[in-house]
Amino acid sequence: MPKLESVRATAEAIGRISCIKTGEEIGLLYQWDNGETQASLHNFGVQETQHCSDQPTNQDLGA
């Protein structure tokens, strides 16, 4: 059986994710013991979590 090189066991919160418009905390950034990072958004409702304002999002990220 192959050995997994990147096994996650524990994570520590290393930062807060805030809405740019309101400054409200919407999630946390975690760092795993293997060095990987992962964002975790609070579950306040799909619309509030994904879009922290009523403004439409810009889908063209290449600009």
C-alpha atoms as a PDB file:
ATOM      1  CA  MET A   1       0.000   0.000   0.000  1.00  0.00           C
ATOM      2  CA  PRO A   2       1.509   3.406  -0.959  1.00  0.00           C
ATOM      3  CA  LYS A   3       2.416   5.771   1.860  1.00  0.00           C
ATOM      4  CA  LEU A   4       0.602   9.122   1.843  1.00  0.00           C
ATOM      5  CA  GLU A   5       3.109  11.970   1.884  1.00  0.00           C
ATOM      6  CA  SER A   6       0.679  14.787   2.693  1.00  0.00           C
ATOM      7  CA  VAL A   7      -1.429  13.592   5.616  1.00  0.00           C
ATOM      8  CA  ARG A   8      -3.370  16.251   7.516  1.00  0.00           C
ATOM      9  CA  ALA A   9      -3.770  15.618  11.225  1.00  0.00           C
ATOM     10  CA  THR A  10      -4.278  18.936  12.999  1.00  0.00           C
ATOM     11  CA  ALA A  11      -4.845  22.538  11.955  1.00  0.00           C
ATOM     12  CA  GLU A  12      -4.406  25.886  13.666  1.00  0.00           C
ATOM     13  CA  ALA A  13      -6.303  29.080  12.855  1.00  0.00           C
ATOM     14  CA  ILE A  14      -3.731  31.592  11.584  1.00  0.00           C
ATOM     15  CA  GLY A  15      -5.927  34.396  10.256  1.00  0.00           C
ATOM     16  CA  ARG A  16      -9.388  35.870   9.906  1.00  0.00           C
ATOM     17  CA  ILE A  17     -11.200  36.390   6.614  1.00  0.00           C
ATOM     18  CA  SER A  18     -13.134  39.672   6.573  1.00  0.00           C
ATOM     19  CA  CYS A  19     -15.611  41.222   4.165  1.00  0.00           C
ATOM     20  CA  ILE A  20     -13.903  44.075   2.302  1.00  0.00           C
ATOM     21  CA  LYS A  21     -17.026  46.232   2.365  1.00  0.00           C
ATOM     22  CA  THR A  22     -18.286  45.729   5.937  1.00  0.00           C
ATOM     23  CA  GLY A  23     -15.202  44.478   7.790  1.00  0.00           C
ATOM     24  CA  GLU A  24     -17.329  41.667   9.245  1.00  0.00           C
ATOM     25  CA  GLU A  25     -15.536  38.375   9.871  1.00  0.00           C
ATOM     26  CA  ILE A  26     -16.772  35.776   7.378  1.00  0.00           C
ATOM     27  CA  GLY A  27     -14.296  32.960   7.944  1.00  0.00           C
ATOM     28  CA  LEU A  28     -10.934  31.733   9.179  1.00  0.00           C
ATOM     29  CA  LEU A  29      -7.682  30.669   7.514  1.00  0.00           C
ATOM     30  CA  TYR A  30      -6.154  27.464   8.874  1.00  0.00           C
ATOM     31  CA  GLN A  31      -2.662  26.004   8.524  1.00  0.00           C
ATOM     32  CA  TRP A  32      -2.321  22.237   8.739  1.00  0.00           C
ATOM     33  CA  ASP A  33       0.597  20.486  10.392  1.00  0.00           C
ATOM     34  CA  ASN A  34       1.932  19.555   6.940  1.00  0.00           C
ATOM     35  CA  GLY A  35       2.183  23.257   5.945  1.00  0.00           C
ATOM     36  CA  GLU A  36      -0.908  23.416   3.717  1.00  0.00           C
ATOM     37  CA  THR A  37      -3.427  26.213   4.241  1.00  0.00           C
ATOM     38  CA  GLN A  38      -7.207  26.057   3.933  1.00  0.00           C
ATOM     39  CA  ALA A  39      -9.942  28.703   4.127  1.00  0.00           C
ATOM     40  CA  SER A  40     -13.125  27.983   6.058  1.00  0.00           C
ATOM     41  CA  LEU A  41     -16.098  30.311   5.604  1.00  0.00           C
ATOM     42  CA  HIS A  42     -18.735  30.701   8.309  1.00  0.00           C
ATOM     43  CA  ASN A  43     -22.119  29.265   7.383  1.00  0.00           C
ATOM     44  CA  PHE A  44     -24.390  32.303   7.843  1.00  0.00           C
ATOM     45  CA  GLY A  45     -26.301  31.425   4.689  1.00  0.00           C
ATOM     46  CA  VAL A  46     -25.110  30.848   1.161  1.00  0.00           C
ATOM     47  CA  GLN A  47     -25.792  34.368  -0.130  1.00  0.00           C
ATOM     48  CA  GLU A  48     -24.169  36.122   2.843  1.00  0.00           C
ATOM     49  CA  THR A  49     -21.115  33.858   2.835  1.00  0.00           C
ATOM     50  CA  GLN A  50     -20.381  34.006  -0.875  1.00  0.00           C
ATOM     51  CA  HIS A  51     -21.211  37.685  -1.429  1.00  0.00           C
ATOM     52  CA  CYS A  52     -20.836  39.993   1.535  1.00  0.00           C
ATOM     53  CA  SER A  53     -22.726  42.795  -0.211  1.00  0.00           C
ATOM     54  CA  ASP A  54     -25.627  43.373  -2.578  1.00  0.00           C
ATOM     55  CA  GLN A  55     -23.205  44.307  -5.360  1.00  0.00           C
ATOM     56  CA  PRO A  56     -22.868  41.876  -8.283  1.00  0.00           C
ATOM     57  CA  THR A  57     -19.530  40.095  -8.451  1.00  0.00           C
ATOM     58  CA  ASN A  58     -17.159  40.554 -11.365  1.00  0.00           C
ATOM     59  CA  GLN A  59     -16.839  37.175 -13.077  1.00  0.00           C
ATOM     60  CA  ASP A  60     -13.899  38.329 -15.275  1.00  0.00           C
ATOM     61  CA  LEU A  61     -10.928  37.630 -13.016  1.00  0.00           C
ATOM     62  CA  GLY A  62      -8.442  38.034 -15.850  1.00  0.00           C
ATOM     63  CA  ALA A  63      -8.845  41.799 -16.045  1.00  0.00           C
END
